[in-house]
Amino acid sequence: MVQDFNCTIPSDIKYIGPAVENILSYLNDMAGKISTDSIFDIKVILNELILNSIKHGNRNNISKQVKVRVEVDSDSNITFIVEDEGEGFDHCNVQILPSLNESDEPCYLNETGRGILICRNLCSSISYNEKGNVVTAVKILKKPGP
């Protein structure tokens, strides 16, 4: 039976990097060798989701925590579940572009929603619970070439 990875992170950005490194270590054990492109994507996804939970969900309140769960299925696809202790947000009405185009200039994108947009483009799916304080993101892994 595959064991999920679970961790709890204080709402302080200094804990994001070490948590991401622990998750990558777990993923290397569970999913085998991961391509460099996928490692980069995973780092970006986790950094964005956790940072959003700390900054927007928990409002940088150090007494609150962010829970992260990572699951790897039999095809080595990864599910990230990030939960904060905040009030949630109306994810149905966030104004963001549906996807990035090569012609889009990242400097001119709205500050709010940029992380969600990036994650949507790096994941095969992203969903939220009704309250808006739990995000579930699925990443389909690319296996490294021979």
C-alpha atoms as a PDB file:
ATOM      1  CA  MET A   1       0.000   0.000   0.000  1.00  0.00           C
ATOM      2  CA  VAL A   2       1.358   3.426  -0.975  1.00  0.00           C
ATOM      3  CA  GLN A   3       1.689   5.837   1.927  1.00  0.00           C
ATOM      4  CA  ASP A   4       0.503   9.431   1.375  1.00  0.00           C
ATOM      5  CA  PHE A   5       2.759  12.281   2.417  1.00  0.00           C
ATOM      6  CA  ASN A   6       1.286  14.628   5.023  1.00  0.00           C
ATOM      7  CA  CYS A   7       2.808  17.710   6.594  1.00  0.00           C
ATOM      8  CA  THR A   8       1.693  20.795   8.470  1.00  0.00           C
ATOM      9  CA  ILE A   9       3.442  24.091   7.820  1.00  0.00           C
ATOM     10  CA  PRO A  10       3.293  27.203  10.016  1.00  0.00           C
ATOM     11  CA  SER A  11       2.019  30.285   8.155  1.00  0.00           C
ATOM     12  CA  ASP A  12       5.482  31.683   7.544  1.00  0.00           C
ATOM     13  CA  ILE A  13       7.059  31.683   4.091  1.00  0.00           C
ATOM     14  CA  LYS A  14      10.412  30.505   5.470  1.00  0.00           C
ATOM     15  CA  TYR A  15       8.890  27.025   5.871  1.00  0.00           C
ATOM     16  CA  ILE A  16       7.807  26.661   2.230  1.00  0.00           C
ATOM     17  CA  GLY A  17      11.212  25.716   0.765  1.00  0.00           C
ATOM     18  CA  PRO A  18      12.004  22.969   3.294  1.00  0.00           C
ATOM     19  CA  ALA A  19       8.473  21.538   2.949  1.00  0.00           C
ATOM     20  CA  VAL A  20       8.773  21.445  -0.849  1.00  0.00           C
ATOM     21  CA  GLU A  21      12.145  19.678  -0.589  1.00  0.00           C
ATOM     22  CA  ASN A  22      10.643  17.063   1.777  1.00  0.00           C
ATOM     23  CA  ILE A  23       7.773  16.508  -0.656  1.00  0.00           C
ATOM     24  CA  LEU A  24      10.176  16.116  -3.594  1.00  0.00           C
ATOM     25  CA  SER A  25      12.158  13.547  -1.611  1.00  0.00           C
ATOM     26  CA  TYR A  26       8.932  11.629  -0.934  1.00  0.00           C
ATOM     27  CA  LEU A  27       7.973  11.825  -4.625  1.00  0.00           C
ATOM     28  CA  ASN A  28      11.342  10.481  -5.723  1.00  0.00           C
ATOM     29  CA  ASP A  29      10.778   7.503  -3.422  1.00  0.00           C
ATOM     30  CA  MET A  30       7.178   6.908  -4.538  1.00  0.00           C
ATOM     31  CA  ALA A  31       7.170   7.845  -8.227  1.00  0.00           C
ATOM     32  CA  GLY A  32      10.712   6.916  -9.199  1.00  0.00           C
ATOM     33  CA  LYS A  33      12.898   9.180 -11.288  1.00  0.00           C
ATOM     34  CA  ILE A  34      11.032  12.363 -12.182  1.00  0.00           C
ATOM     35  CA  SER A  35      11.929  14.489 -15.208  1.00  0.00           C
ATOM     36  CA  THR A  36      13.641  17.831 -14.635  1.00  0.00           C
ATOM     37  CA  ASP A  37      10.663  19.604 -16.228  1.00  0.00           C
ATOM     38  CA  SER A  38       8.236  17.901 -13.850  1.00  0.00           C
ATOM     39  CA  ILE A  39      10.406  18.723 -10.825  1.00  0.00           C
ATOM     40  CA  PHE A  40      10.387  22.381 -11.838  1.00  0.00           C
ATOM     41  CA  ASP A  41       6.587  22.312 -12.320  1.00  0.00           C
ATOM     42  CA  ILE A  42       6.063  20.631  -8.945  1.00  0.00           C
ATOM     43  CA  LYS A  43       8.201  23.244  -7.191  1.00  0.00           C
ATOM     44  CA  VAL A  44       6.228  26.063  -8.810  1.00  0.00           C
ATOM     45  CA  ILE A  45       2.852  24.431  -8.056  1.00  0.00           C
ATOM     46  CA  LEU A  46       3.654  23.756  -4.412  1.00  0.00           C
ATOM     47  CA  ASN A  47       5.220  27.168  -3.850  1.00  0.00           C
ATOM     48  CA  GLU A  48       2.192  28.932  -5.352  1.00  0.00           C
ATOM     49  CA  LEU A  49      -0.440  26.849  -3.547  1.00  0.00           C
ATOM     50  CA  ILE A  50       1.262  27.028  -0.159  1.00  0.00           C
ATOM     51  CA  LEU A  51       2.093  30.728  -0.514  1.00  0.00           C
ATOM     52  CA  ASN A  52      -1.544  31.485  -1.411  1.00  0.00           C
ATOM     53  CA  SER A  53      -2.691  29.579   1.675  1.00  0.00           C
ATOM     54  CA  ILE A  54      -0.279  31.463   3.926  1.00  0.00           C
ATOM     55  CA  LYS A  55      -0.774  34.907   2.408  1.00  0.00           C
ATOM     56  CA  HIS A  56      -4.432  34.945   1.395  1.00  0.00           C
ATOM     57  CA  GLY A  57      -5.983  32.122   3.421  1.00  0.00           C
ATOM     58  CA  ASN A  58      -4.271  32.496   6.777  1.00  0.00           C
ATOM     59  CA  ARG A  59      -3.416  36.179   6.249  1.00  0.00           C
ATOM     60  CA  ASN A  60       0.196  35.546   7.369  1.00  0.00           C
ATOM     61  CA  ASN A  61      -1.104  34.662  10.839  1.00  0.00           C
ATOM     62  CA  ILE A  62       1.768  32.597  12.291  1.00  0.00           C
ATOM     63  CA  SER A  63      -0.616  30.940  14.765  1.00  0.00           C
ATOM     64  CA  LYS A  64      -2.435  29.305  11.827  1.00  0.00           C
ATOM     65  CA  GLN A  65      -1.147  26.392   9.781  1.00  0.00           C
ATOM     66  CA  VAL A  66      -1.300  24.993   6.264  1.00  0.00           C
ATOM     67  CA  LYS A  67      -1.856  21.271   5.782  1.00  0.00           C
ATOM     68  CA  VAL A  68      -0.387  19.604   2.720  1.00  0.00           C
ATOM     69  CA  ARG A  69      -1.189  16.085   1.567  1.00  0.00           C
ATOM     70  CA  VAL A  70       0.420  14.452  -1.446  1.00  0.00           C
ATOM     71  CA  GLU A  71      -0.851  11.265  -3.078  1.00  0.00           C
ATOM     72  CA  VAL A  72       0.762   9.273  -5.877  1.00  0.00           C
ATOM     73  CA  ASP A  73      -1.430   6.883  -7.866  1.00  0.00           C
ATOM     74  CA  SER A  74      -0.410   3.672  -9.631  1.00  0.00           C
ATOM     75  CA  ASP A  75       0.431   5.636 -12.811  1.00  0.00           C
ATOM     76  CA  SER A  76       2.682   7.980 -10.784  1.00  0.00           C
ATOM     77  CA  ASN A  77       0.275  10.885 -11.182  1.00  0.00           C
ATOM     78  CA  ILE A  78       0.386  13.262  -8.237  1.00  0.00           C
ATOM     79  CA  THR A  79      -2.448  14.864  -6.294  1.00  0.00           C
ATOM     80  CA  PHE A  80      -1.648  17.837  -4.065  1.00  0.00           C
ATOM     81  CA  ILE A  81      -4.205  18.840  -1.430  1.00  0.00           C
ATOM     82  CA  VAL A  82      -3.474  22.119   0.360  1.00  0.00           C
ATOM     83  CA  GLU A  83      -5.701  23.360   3.167  1.00  0.00           C
ATOM     84  CA  ASP A  84      -5.504  26.570   5.168  1.00  0.00           C
ATOM     85  CA  GLU A  85      -7.373  27.739   8.261  1.00  0.00           C
ATOM     86  CA  GLY A  86      -8.739  30.866   6.606  1.00  0.00           C
ATOM     87  CA  GLU A  87     -12.259  31.947   5.747  1.00  0.00           C
ATOM     88  CA  GLY A  88     -11.916  30.668   2.182  1.00  0.00           C
ATOM     89  CA  PHE A  89     -12.658  32.619  -0.966  1.00  0.00           C
ATOM     90  CA  ASP A  90     -15.192  32.678  -3.757  1.00  0.00           C
ATOM     91  CA  HIS A  91     -13.144  30.693  -6.265  1.00  0.00           C
ATOM     92  CA  CYS A  92     -16.005  30.742  -8.773  1.00  0.00           C
ATOM     93  CA  ASN A  93     -15.732  34.516  -9.155  1.00  0.00           C
ATOM     94  CA  VAL A  94     -11.974  35.087  -9.216  1.00  0.00           C
ATOM     95  CA  GLN A  95     -11.113  37.142 -12.282  1.00  0.00           C
ATOM     96  CA  ILE A  96      -8.233  35.388 -14.015  1.00  0.00           C
ATOM     97  CA  LEU A  97      -7.440  34.465 -17.574  1.00  0.00           C
ATOM     98  CA  PRO A  98      -8.313  30.867 -18.534  1.00  0.00           C
ATOM     99  CA  SER A  99      -4.763  30.145 -19.748  1.00  0.00           C
ATOM    100  CA  LEU A 100      -1.461  31.722 -20.685  1.00  0.00           C
ATOM    101  CA  ASN A 101      -0.547  32.297 -24.300  1.00  0.00           C
ATOM    102  CA  GLU A 102       2.961  32.839 -25.575  1.00  0.00           C
ATOM    103  CA  SER A 103       1.925  36.399 -26.486  1.00  0.00           C
ATOM    104  CA  ASP A 104       0.766  37.201 -22.912  1.00  0.00           C
ATOM    105  CA  GLU A 105       3.133  39.457 -21.030  1.00  0.00           C
ATOM    106  CA  PRO A 106       3.341  38.159 -17.424  1.00  0.00           C
ATOM    107  CA  CYS A 107       4.230  41.625 -16.119  1.00  0.00           C
ATOM    108  CA  TYR A 108       0.793  42.894 -17.175  1.00  0.00           C
ATOM    109  CA  LEU A 109      -1.284  40.138 -15.595  1.00  0.00           C
ATOM    110  CA  ASN A 110      -3.330  41.004 -12.511  1.00  0.00           C
ATOM    111  CA  GLU A 111      -1.428  40.505  -9.266  1.00  0.00           C
ATOM    112  CA  THR A 112      -4.353  38.624  -7.740  1.00  0.00           C
ATOM    113  CA  GLY A 113      -5.009  35.295  -9.417  1.00  0.00           C
ATOM    114  CA  ARG A 114      -1.615  34.980 -11.082  1.00  0.00           C
ATOM    115  CA  GLY A 115      -0.622  31.976  -8.931  1.00  0.00           C
ATOM    116  CA  ILE A 116      -3.902  30.237  -9.689  1.00  0.00           C
ATOM    117  CA  LEU A 117      -3.395  30.864 -13.394  1.00  0.00           C
ATOM    118  CA  ILE A 118       0.135  29.460 -13.284  1.00  0.00           C
ATOM    119  CA  CYS A 119      -1.022  26.349 -11.417  1.00  0.00           C
ATOM    120  CA  ARG A 120      -3.931  25.798 -13.813  1.00  0.00           C
ATOM    121  CA  ASN A 121      -1.448  25.768 -16.679  1.00  0.00           C
ATOM    122  CA  LEU A 122       0.920  23.329 -14.947  1.00  0.00           C
ATOM    123  CA  CYS A 123      -1.717  20.881 -13.675  1.00  0.00           C
ATOM    124  CA  SER A 124      -4.233  18.667 -15.422  1.00  0.00           C
ATOM    125  CA  SER A 125      -6.916  19.794 -12.964  1.00  0.00           C
ATOM    126  CA  ILE A 126      -7.461  22.142 -10.043  1.00  0.00           C
ATOM    127  CA  SER A 127     -10.545  22.224  -7.838  1.00  0.00           C
ATOM    128  CA  TYR A 128     -11.624  23.808  -4.568  1.00  0.00           C
ATOM    129  CA  ASN A 129     -13.920  22.795  -1.766  1.00  0.00           C
ATOM    130  CA  GLU A 130     -17.121  24.812  -1.398  1.00  0.00           C
ATOM    131  CA  LYS A 131     -15.672  27.086   1.293  1.00  0.00           C
ATOM    132  CA  GLY A 132     -12.587  27.823  -0.809  1.00  0.00           C
ATOM    133  CA  ASN A 133      -9.922  26.941   1.768  1.00  0.00           C
ATOM    134  CA  VAL A 134      -8.889  23.576   0.289  1.00  0.00           C
ATOM    135  CA  VAL A 135      -7.374  23.260  -3.173  1.00  0.00           C
ATOM    136  CA  THR A 136      -6.787  19.947  -4.940  1.00  0.00           C
ATOM    137  CA  ALA A 137      -4.369  19.953  -7.870  1.00  0.00           C
ATOM    138  CA  VAL A 138      -3.473  16.969 -10.054  1.00  0.00           C
ATOM    139  CA  LYS A 139      -0.190  16.800 -11.958  1.00  0.00           C
ATOM    140  CA  ILE A 140       0.349  14.138 -14.606  1.00  0.00           C
ATOM    141  CA  LEU A 141       4.034  13.253 -14.537  1.00  0.00           C
ATOM    142  CA  LYS A 142       6.249  13.138 -17.544  1.00  0.00           C
ATOM    143  CA  LYS A 143       8.738  10.335 -17.169  1.00  0.00           C
ATOM    144  CA  PRO A 144      12.329  11.171 -18.112  1.00  0.00           C
ATOM    145  CA  GLY A 145      13.518   9.947 -21.480  1.00  0.00           C
ATOM    146  CA  PRO A 146      15.944   7.028 -21.887  1.00  0.00           C
END
